[in-house]
C-alpha atoms as a PDB file:
ATOM      1  CA  UNK A   1       0.000   0.000   0.000  1.00  0.00           C
ATOM      2  CA  UNK A   2       8.604   6.150   0.220  1.00  0.00           C
ATOM      3  CA  UNK A   3       6.633   5.982  -2.772  1.00  0.00           C
ATOM      4  CA  UNK A   4       7.031   6.836  -5.937  1.00  0.00           C
ATOM      5  CA  UNK A   5       6.160   3.447  -4.624  1.00  0.00           C
ATOM      6  CA  UNK A   6       3.376   1.916  -5.356  1.00  0.00           C
ATOM      7  CA  UNK A   7       5.356   3.825  -8.515  1.00  0.00           C
ATOM      8  CA  UNK A   8       5.092   2.809  -5.347  1.00  0.00           C
ATOM      9  CA  UNK A   9       7.596   4.550  -5.081  1.00  0.00           C
ATOM     10  CA  UNK A  10       9.844   4.893  -8.113  1.00  0.00           C
ATOM     11  CA  UNK A  11       1.428   1.812  -3.377  1.00  0.00           C
ATOM     12  CA  UNK A  12       2.157   1.352  -1.153  1.00  0.00           C
ATOM     13  CA  UNK A  13       9.228   3.847  -1.311  1.00  0.00           C
ATOM     14  CA  UNK A  14       7.930   6.279  -2.882  1.00  0.00           C
ATOM     15  CA  UNK A  15      10.146   7.974  -2.850  1.00  0.00           C
ATOM     16  CA  UNK A  16       8.885   5.727  -1.498  1.00  0.00           C
ATOM     17  CA  UNK A  17       6.890   8.383  -0.417  1.00  0.00           C
ATOM     18  CA  UNK A  18       9.067  11.287  -0.216  1.00  0.00           C
ATOM     19  CA  UNK A  19      11.107  12.654   2.583  1.00  0.00           C
ATOM     20  CA  UNK A  20       9.285  13.693   5.670  1.00  0.00           C
ATOM     21  CA  UNK A  21       9.002  17.393   6.166  1.00  0.00           C
ATOM     22  CA  UNK A  22      10.126  19.140   9.288  1.00  0.00           C
ATOM     23  CA  UNK A  23       6.613  20.477   9.609  1.00  0.00           C
ATOM     24  CA  UNK A  24       3.739  18.102  10.259  1.00  0.00           C
ATOM     25  CA  UNK A  25       1.576  20.281   8.059  1.00  0.00           C
ATOM     26  CA  UNK A  26       3.946  19.713   5.134  1.00  0.00           C
ATOM     27  CA  UNK A  27       4.406  15.993   5.705  1.00  0.00           C
ATOM     28  CA  UNK A  28       2.984  13.896   2.872  1.00  0.00           C
ATOM     29  CA  UNK A  29      -0.160  11.925   3.515  1.00  0.00           C
ATOM     30  CA  UNK A  30      -1.409   8.868   1.708  1.00  0.00           C
ATOM     31  CA  UNK A  31      -4.933   7.986   0.773  1.00  0.00           C
ATOM     32  CA  UNK A  32      -6.174   4.420   0.406  1.00  0.00           C
ATOM     33  CA  UNK A  33      -9.281   4.461  -1.762  1.00  0.00           C
ATOM     34  CA  UNK A  34     -11.606   1.583  -2.594  1.00  0.00           C
ATOM     35  CA  UNK A  35     -14.182   1.791  -5.378  1.00  0.00           C
ATOM     36  CA  UNK A  36     -17.050  -0.671  -5.610  1.00  0.00           C
ATOM     37  CA  UNK A  37     -18.524  -0.826  -9.101  1.00  0.00           C
ATOM     38  CA  UNK A  38     -22.178  -1.053  -9.967  1.00  0.00           C
ATOM     39  CA  UNK A  39     -23.158  -4.597 -11.011  1.00  0.00           C
ATOM     40  CA  UNK A  40     -21.581  -5.404 -14.359  1.00  0.00           C
ATOM     41  CA  UNK A  41     -19.639  -2.111 -14.483  1.00  0.00           C
ATOM     42  CA  UNK A  42     -16.242  -3.145 -13.101  1.00  0.00           C
ATOM     43  CA  UNK A  43     -14.601  -3.092 -16.532  1.00  0.00           C
ATOM     44  CA  UNK A  44     -16.050   0.382 -17.130  1.00  0.00           C
ATOM     45  CA  UNK A  45     -14.518   1.678 -13.911  1.00  0.00           C
ATOM     46  CA  UNK A  46     -11.121   0.249 -14.831  1.00  0.00           C
ATOM     47  CA  UNK A  47     -11.314   1.709 -18.334  1.00  0.00           C
ATOM     48  CA  UNK A  48     -12.120   5.175 -16.999  1.00  0.00           C
ATOM     49  CA  UNK A  49      -9.135   5.077 -14.659  1.00  0.00           C
ATOM     50  CA  UNK A  50      -6.837   3.658 -17.343  1.00  0.00           C
ATOM     51  CA  UNK A  51      -7.800   6.138 -20.041  1.00  0.00           C
ATOM     52  CA  UNK A  52      -8.509   9.296 -18.071  1.00  0.00           C
ATOM     53  CA  UNK A  53      -8.518   9.402 -14.266  1.00  0.00           C
ATOM     54  CA  UNK A  54      -4.838   8.733 -13.558  1.00  0.00           C
ATOM     55  CA  UNK A  55      -3.754  11.536 -15.886  1.00  0.00           C
ATOM     56  CA  UNK A  56      -6.246  13.945 -14.337  1.00  0.00           C
ATOM     57  CA  UNK A  57      -5.134  13.034 -10.818  1.00  0.00           C
ATOM     58  CA  UNK A  58      -1.540  13.838 -11.773  1.00  0.00           C
ATOM     59  CA  UNK A  59      -2.667  17.065 -13.441  1.00  0.00           C
ATOM     60  CA  UNK A  60      -4.162  18.198 -10.152  1.00  0.00           C
ATOM     61  CA  UNK A  61      -1.165  17.381  -7.968  1.00  0.00           C
ATOM     62  CA  UNK A  62      -1.898  13.848  -6.825  1.00  0.00           C
ATOM     63  CA  UNK A  63       0.705  11.085  -7.134  1.00  0.00           C
ATOM     64  CA  UNK A  64      -0.530   7.702  -8.340  1.00  0.00           C
ATOM     65  CA  UNK A  65       1.233   4.981  -6.394  1.00  0.00           C
ATOM     66  CA  UNK A  66      -0.527   1.710  -7.088  1.00  0.00           C
ATOM     67  CA  UNK A  67      -3.787   0.283  -8.420  1.00  0.00           C
ATOM     68  CA  UNK A  68      -4.977  -3.278  -7.870  1.00  0.00           C
ATOM     69  CA  UNK A  69      -8.040  -5.491  -7.854  1.00  0.00           C
ATOM     70  CA  UNK A  70      -8.895  -8.169  -5.271  1.00  0.00           C
ATOM     71  CA  UNK A  71      -8.210 -11.738  -6.320  1.00  0.00           C
ATOM     72  CA  UNK A  72     -10.813 -13.475  -4.150  1.00  0.00           C
ATOM     73  CA  UNK A  73     -14.593 -13.208  -4.295  1.00  0.00           C
ATOM     74  CA  UNK A  74     -14.824 -12.660  -0.534  1.00  0.00           C
ATOM     75  CA  UNK A  75     -12.726  -9.498  -0.945  1.00  0.00           C
ATOM     76  CA  UNK A  76     -14.613  -8.090  -3.924  1.00  0.00           C
ATOM     77  CA  UNK A  77     -13.011  -9.710  -6.960  1.00  0.00           C
ATOM     78  CA  UNK A  78     -14.761  -8.472 -10.077  1.00  0.00           C
ATOM     79  CA  UNK A  79     -16.327  -5.472  -8.367  1.00  0.00           C
ATOM     80  CA  UNK A  80     -13.651  -3.512  -6.456  1.00  0.00           C
ATOM     81  CA  UNK A  81     -10.655  -1.355  -7.312  1.00  0.00           C
ATOM     82  CA  UNK A  82      -8.148  -0.541  -4.564  1.00  0.00           C
ATOM     83  CA  UNK A  83      -5.584   2.206  -5.010  1.00  0.00           C
ATOM     84  CA  UNK A  84      -3.136   4.403  -3.131  1.00  0.00           C
ATOM     85  CA  UNK A  85      -2.442   8.095  -3.703  1.00  0.00           C
ATOM     86  CA  UNK A  86       0.128  10.446  -2.221  1.00  0.00           C
ATOM     87  CA  UNK A  87      -0.708  14.069  -1.364  1.00  0.00           C
ATOM     88  CA  UNK A  88       1.511  16.888  -0.141  1.00  0.00           C
ATOM     89  CA  UNK A  89      -0.788  17.291   2.872  1.00  0.00           C
ATOM     90  CA  UNK A  90      -4.350  16.712   3.978  1.00  0.00           C
ATOM     91  CA  UNK A  91      -5.298  20.216   2.830  1.00  0.00           C
ATOM     92  CA  UNK A  92      -3.596  19.619  -0.520  1.00  0.00           C
ATOM     93  CA  UNK A  93      -5.688  16.475  -0.959  1.00  0.00           C
ATOM     94  CA  UNK A  94      -8.850  18.490  -0.426  1.00  0.00           C
ATOM     95  CA  UNK A  95      -7.789  21.152  -2.906  1.00  0.00           C
ATOM     96  CA  UNK A  96      -6.666  18.589  -5.482  1.00  0.00           C
ATOM     97  CA  UNK A  97      -9.981  16.746  -5.450  1.00  0.00           C
ATOM     98  CA  UNK A  98     -11.870  20.034  -5.598  1.00  0.00           C
ATOM     99  CA  UNK A  99      -9.929  21.046  -8.721  1.00  0.00           C
ATOM    100  CA  UNK A 100     -10.290  17.556 -10.191  1.00  0.00           C
ATOM    101  CA  UNK A 101     -14.058  17.571  -9.698  1.00  0.00           C
ATOM    102  CA  UNK A 102     -14.383  20.997 -11.341  1.00  0.00           C
ATOM    103  CA  UNK A 103     -12.152  20.156 -14.315  1.00  0.00           C
ATOM    104  CA  UNK A 104     -14.172  20.314 -17.591  1.00  0.00           C
ATOM    105  CA  UNK A 105     -12.146  17.365 -18.884  1.00  0.00           C
ATOM    106  CA  UNK A 106     -13.241  15.237 -15.933  1.00  0.00           C
ATOM    107  CA  UNK A 107     -16.853  16.349 -16.254  1.00  0.00           C
ATOM    108  CA  UNK A 108     -16.845  15.295 -19.893  1.00  0.00           C
ATOM    109  CA  UNK A 109     -15.260  11.930 -19.088  1.00  0.00           C
ATOM    110  CA  UNK A 110     -17.704  11.260 -16.245  1.00  0.00           C
ATOM    111  CA  UNK A 111     -20.689  12.139 -18.416  1.00  0.00           C
ATOM    112  CA  UNK A 112     -19.546   9.958 -21.304  1.00  0.00           C
ATOM    113  CA  UNK A 113     -18.750   6.998 -19.048  1.00  0.00           C
ATOM    114  CA  UNK A 114     -22.152   7.195 -17.343  1.00  0.00           C
ATOM    115  CA  UNK A 115     -24.309   7.525 -20.445  1.00  0.00           C
ATOM    116  CA  UNK A 116     -25.920   4.194 -19.527  1.00  0.00           C
ATOM    117  CA  UNK A 117     -26.010   4.902 -15.796  1.00  0.00           C
ATOM    118  CA  UNK A 118     -23.683   5.211 -12.828  1.00  0.00           C
ATOM    119  CA  UNK A 119     -20.666   2.929 -12.840  1.00  0.00           C
ATOM    120  CA  UNK A 120     -19.475   3.457  -9.237  1.00  0.00           C
ATOM    121  CA  UNK A 121     -21.692   2.312  -6.371  1.00  0.00           C
ATOM    122  CA  UNK A 122     -19.456   3.226  -3.425  1.00  0.00           C
ATOM    123  CA  UNK A 123     -16.208   5.080  -2.675  1.00  0.00           C
ATOM    124  CA  UNK A 124     -14.285   4.517   0.556  1.00  0.00           C
ATOM    125  CA  UNK A 125     -11.318   6.653   1.627  1.00  0.00           C
ATOM    126  CA  UNK A 126      -8.794   6.188   4.446  1.00  0.00           C
ATOM    127  CA  UNK A 127      -6.067   8.771   5.017  1.00  0.00           C
ATOM    128  CA  UNK A 128      -2.761   7.310   6.173  1.00  0.00           C
ATOM    129  CA  UNK A 129       0.607   8.370   7.490  1.00  0.00           C
ATOM    130  CA  UNK A 130       3.674   6.291   6.760  1.00  0.00           C
ATOM    131  CA  UNK A 131       5.373   4.787   9.807  1.00  0.00           C
ATOM    132  CA  UNK A 132       9.008   5.815  10.409  1.00  0.00           C
ATOM    133  CA  UNK A 133      10.295   2.254  10.000  1.00  0.00           C
ATOM    134  CA  UNK A 134       8.701   1.664   6.595  1.00  0.00           C
ATOM    135  CA  UNK A 135      11.556   0.430   4.360  1.00  0.00           C
ATOM    136  CA  UNK A 136      12.537   2.115   1.132  1.00  0.00           C
ATOM    137  CA  UNK A 137      11.056   0.364  -1.892  1.00  0.00           C
ATOM    138  CA  UNK A 138      13.353  -0.580  -4.740  1.00  0.00           C
ATOM    139  CA  UNK A 139      12.427  -0.034  -8.385  1.00  0.00           C
ATOM    140  CA  UNK A 140      11.020  -3.146 -10.010  1.00  0.00           C
ATOM    141  CA  UNK A 141      10.860  -3.892 -13.726  1.00  0.00           C
ATOM    142  CA  UNK A 142       9.962  -7.586 -13.701  1.00  0.00           C
ATOM    143  CA  UNK A 143       6.671  -9.364 -14.407  1.00  0.00           C
ATOM    144  CA  UNK A 144       3.590  -8.398 -12.373  1.00  0.00           C
ATOM    145  CA  UNK A 145       3.624  -9.702  -8.840  1.00  0.00           C
ATOM    146  CA  UNK A 146       0.865 -10.428  -6.357  1.00  0.00           C
ATOM    147  CA  UNK A 147       0.246  -7.767  -3.711  1.00  0.00           C
ATOM    148  CA  UNK A 148      -0.986  -8.487  -0.216  1.00  0.00           C
ATOM    149  CA  UNK A 149      -2.687  -5.828   1.900  1.00  0.00           C
ATOM    150  CA  UNK A 150      -2.579  -6.765   5.563  1.00  0.00           C
ATOM    151  CA  UNK A 151      -4.449  -4.963   8.325  1.00  0.00           C
ATOM    152  CA  UNK A 152      -3.660  -5.495  12.019  1.00  0.00           C
ATOM    153  CA  UNK A 153      -6.001  -4.307  14.754  1.00  0.00           C
ATOM    154  CA  UNK A 154      -4.484  -4.043  18.230  1.00  0.00           C
ATOM    155  CA  UNK A 155      -6.014  -4.028  21.708  1.00  0.00           C
ATOM    156  CA  UNK A 156      -6.183  -0.600  23.351  1.00  0.00           C
ATOM    157  CA  UNK A 157      -2.741   0.839  23.979  1.00  0.00           C
ATOM    158  CA  UNK A 158      -0.841  -1.851  22.052  1.00  0.00           C
ATOM    159  CA  UNK A 159      -0.142  -0.172  18.717  1.00  0.00           C
ATOM    160  CA  UNK A 160       3.257   1.097  19.913  1.00  0.00           C
ATOM    161  CA  UNK A 161       4.191  -2.439  20.910  1.00  0.00           C
ATOM    162  CA  UNK A 162       3.304  -3.880  17.527  1.00  0.00           C
ATOM    163  CA  UNK A 163       5.215  -1.058  15.832  1.00  0.00           C
ATOM    164  CA  UNK A 164       8.258  -1.936  17.940  1.00  0.00           C
ATOM    165  CA  UNK A 165       7.997  -5.605  16.961  1.00  0.00           C
ATOM    166  CA  UNK A 166       7.757  -4.779  13.284  1.00  0.00           C
ATOM    167  CA  UNK A 167      10.584  -2.254  13.490  1.00  0.00           C
ATOM    168  CA  UNK A 168      12.955  -4.466  15.457  1.00  0.00           C
ATOM    169  CA  UNK A 169      12.112  -7.926  14.125  1.00  0.00           C
ATOM    170  CA  UNK A 170       9.288  -8.505  11.650  1.00  0.00           C
ATOM    171  CA  UNK A 171      10.518  -6.273   8.819  1.00  0.00           C
ATOM    172  CA  UNK A 172      13.867  -8.048   8.633  1.00  0.00           C
ATOM    173  CA  UNK A 173      12.307 -11.506   8.979  1.00  0.00           C
ATOM    174  CA  UNK A 174       9.835 -10.837   6.163  1.00  0.00           C
ATOM    175  CA  UNK A 175      12.745  -9.894   3.895  1.00  0.00           C
ATOM    176  CA  UNK A 176      14.698 -12.959   5.057  1.00  0.00           C
ATOM    177  CA  UNK A 177      11.872 -15.169   3.867  1.00  0.00           C
ATOM    178  CA  UNK A 178      11.472 -13.592   0.439  1.00  0.00           C
ATOM    179  CA  UNK A 179       8.727 -11.036   0.979  1.00  0.00           C
ATOM    180  CA  UNK A 180       9.051  -7.555  -0.557  1.00  0.00           C
ATOM    181  CA  UNK A 181       8.001  -4.466   1.404  1.00  0.00           C
ATOM    182  CA  UNK A 182       5.815  -1.867  -0.328  1.00  0.00           C
ATOM    183  CA  UNK A 183       4.818   0.359   2.585  1.00  0.00           C
ATOM    184  CA  UNK A 184       3.624   0.455   6.199  1.00  0.00           C
ATOM    185  CA  UNK A 185       1.001   2.934   7.434  1.00  0.00           C
ATOM    186  CA  UNK A 186      -1.291   4.043  10.245  1.00  0.00           C
ATOM    187  CA  UNK A 187      -4.746   5.560   9.661  1.00  0.00           C
ATOM    188  CA  UNK A 188      -4.958   9.233  10.617  1.00  0.00           C
ATOM    189  CA  UNK A 189      -8.617   9.453  11.675  1.00  0.00           C
ATOM    190  CA  UNK A 190     -10.086   7.883  14.808  1.00  0.00           C
ATOM    191  CA  UNK A 191     -13.117   6.514  12.990  1.00  0.00           C
ATOM    192  CA  UNK A 192     -10.810   4.703  10.532  1.00  0.00           C
ATOM    193  CA  UNK A 193      -8.619   3.045  13.150  1.00  0.00           C
ATOM    194  CA  UNK A 194      -6.094   5.644  14.275  1.00  0.00           C
ATOM    195  CA  UNK A 195      -4.218   4.436  17.348  1.00  0.00           C
ATOM    196  CA  UNK A 196      -5.166   0.796  16.878  1.00  0.00           C
ATOM    197  CA  UNK A 197      -4.428  -0.152  13.267  1.00  0.00           C
ATOM    198  CA  UNK A 198      -1.399  -0.988  11.150  1.00  0.00           C
ATOM    199  CA  UNK A 199      -1.924  -1.361   7.385  1.00  0.00           C
ATOM    200  CA  UNK A 200       0.882  -2.622   5.203  1.00  0.00           C
ATOM    201  CA  UNK A 201       1.531  -3.913   1.709  1.00  0.00           C
ATOM    202  CA  UNK A 202       3.773  -6.759   0.600  1.00  0.00           C
ATOM    203  CA  UNK A 203       4.642  -8.101  -2.841  1.00  0.00           C
ATOM    204  CA  UNK A 204       5.086 -11.788  -3.632  1.00  0.00           C
ATOM    205  CA  UNK A 205       6.055 -13.617  -6.812  1.00  0.00           C
ATOM    206  CA  UNK A 206       2.668 -15.383  -6.688  1.00  0.00           C
ATOM    207  CA  UNK A 207       0.184 -16.860  -4.211  1.00  0.00           C
ATOM    208  CA  UNK A 208       2.218 -20.049  -3.794  1.00  0.00           C
ATOM    209  CA  UNK A 209       5.329 -18.034  -2.981  1.00  0.00           C
ATOM    210  CA  UNK A 210       3.355 -16.045  -0.403  1.00  0.00           C
ATOM    211  CA  UNK A 211       2.202 -19.226   1.324  1.00  0.00           C
ATOM    212  CA  UNK A 212       5.740 -20.643   1.412  1.00  0.00           C
ATOM    213  CA  UNK A 213       7.206 -17.397   2.715  1.00  0.00           C
ATOM    214  CA  UNK A 214       4.725 -17.117   5.556  1.00  0.00           C
ATOM    215  CA  UNK A 215       5.122 -20.791   6.475  1.00  0.00           C
ATOM    216  CA  UNK A 216       8.893 -20.320   6.745  1.00  0.00           C
ATOM    217  CA  UNK A 217       8.466 -17.057   8.642  1.00  0.00           C
ATOM    218  CA  UNK A 218       6.108 -18.558  11.231  1.00  0.00           C
ATOM    219  CA  UNK A 219       8.453 -21.517  11.788  1.00  0.00           C
ATOM    220  CA  UNK A 220      11.539 -19.322  12.191  1.00  0.00           C
ATOM    221  CA  UNK A 221      12.940 -19.580  15.750  1.00  0.00           C
ATOM    222  CA  UNK A 222      13.793 -15.870  15.655  1.00  0.00           C
ATOM    223  CA  UNK A 223      10.155 -14.999  14.973  1.00  0.00           C
ATOM    224  CA  UNK A 224       8.886 -17.393  17.633  1.00  0.00           C
ATOM    225  CA  UNK A 225      11.217 -15.795  20.186  1.00  0.00           C
ATOM    226  CA  UNK A 226      10.370 -12.231  19.120  1.00  0.00           C
ATOM    227  CA  UNK A 227       6.655 -12.894  19.314  1.00  0.00           C
ATOM    228  CA  UNK A 228       6.904 -14.508  22.745  1.00  0.00           C
ATOM    229  CA  UNK A 229       9.062 -11.705  24.126  1.00  0.00           C
ATOM    230  CA  UNK A 230       6.843  -8.939  22.737  1.00  0.00           C
ATOM    231  CA  UNK A 231       3.666 -10.509  24.099  1.00  0.00           C
ATOM    232  CA  UNK A 232       5.251 -11.079  27.505  1.00  0.00           C
ATOM    233  CA  UNK A 233       6.351  -7.435  27.676  1.00  0.00           C
ATOM    234  CA  UNK A 234       2.908  -6.215  26.588  1.00  0.00           C
ATOM    235  CA  UNK A 235       0.991  -8.534  28.889  1.00  0.00           C
ATOM    236  CA  UNK A 236      -0.761 -10.413  26.105  1.00  0.00           C
ATOM    237  CA  UNK A 237      -1.310 -10.677  22.335  1.00  0.00           C
ATOM    238  CA  UNK A 238      -0.660  -7.595  20.226  1.00  0.00           C
ATOM    239  CA  UNK A 239      -3.690  -8.129  17.985  1.00  0.00           C
ATOM    240  CA  UNK A 240      -7.322  -8.645  18.922  1.00  0.00           C
ATOM    241  CA  UNK A 241      -9.111 -11.877  18.092  1.00  0.00           C
ATOM    242  CA  UNK A 242      -9.498 -12.096  14.305  1.00  0.00           C
ATOM    243  CA  UNK A 243      -7.507  -8.864  14.176  1.00  0.00           C
ATOM    244  CA  UNK A 244      -5.277  -9.829  11.234  1.00  0.00           C
ATOM    245  CA  UNK A 245      -6.861  -9.398   7.818  1.00  0.00           C
ATOM    246  CA  UNK A 246      -5.231 -10.297   4.509  1.00  0.00           C
ATOM    247  CA  UNK A 247      -6.400  -9.305   1.039  1.00  0.00           C
ATOM    248  CA  UNK A 248      -4.559 -10.563  -2.032  1.00  0.00           C
ATOM    249  CA  UNK A 249      -4.516  -8.125  -4.928  1.00  0.00           C
ATOM    250  CA  UNK A 250      -3.489  -8.238  -8.577  1.00  0.00           C
ATOM    251  CA  UNK A 251      -1.999  -5.011  -9.957  1.00  0.00           C
ATOM    252  CA  UNK A 252      -3.943  -3.502 -12.847  1.00  0.00           C
ATOM    253  CA  UNK A 253      -2.302  -3.042 -16.229  1.00  0.00           C
ATOM    254  CA  UNK A 254      -2.185   0.709 -15.563  1.00  0.00           C
ATOM    255  CA  UNK A 255      -0.717   0.535 -12.051  1.00  0.00           C
ATOM    256  CA  UNK A 256       2.586   2.441 -11.724  1.00  0.00           C
ATOM    257  CA  UNK A 257       3.954  -0.425  -9.633  1.00  0.00           C
ATOM    258  CA  UNK A 258       3.533  -4.005 -10.734  1.00  0.00           C
END
């Protein structure tokens, strides 16, 4: 999910996301957006993004990082588009979308694409800040990979502990077992999980490679020790029951990062 990352750097590295500013107001923010298409209109949504929307986003100051579609029906395969943008700031995001919405070129595109009715049923947006330990993302020119968006929900007061475990252990162990980092983030707004949520993106060669990597990771004595020590220090598990969610994604043909 710094970035030109998800040119993803060049979603999720960026340069991968650009250097942090000394002022919080100037620090870049990221926006995870999920579009749910009207029944039978998924291809129309993808075509509009491919042919028009990405260029108009860039025109109005937004950085396209990565675009992907869920692979499994339970996650919205065939109906959802998930993508990550970078903005200069929260205020810049507001101004960019205002200018985008008022652009005559966009109005013409929207009208033409909806001649037979609306094509988007729902738009969800989560603003994110990149965590300090998020690794830089290397440029990648190989064949399309499989992305994995993972969301961890912690018990009250435990997000700092899970950040420490990722920073000190998990990041390196993921890399050891063949997983590629694309970006690690926290939601900014309380109603979207601020203070209790970690969202991150990995890249794998394919689904089989992902399964093998995680099997090796979970069996690694270093991980077993790190997990035990972190849970002992925190007085219990660092995620709530069913608090780890995984969504496998396939990058679109127009995604800056593949």
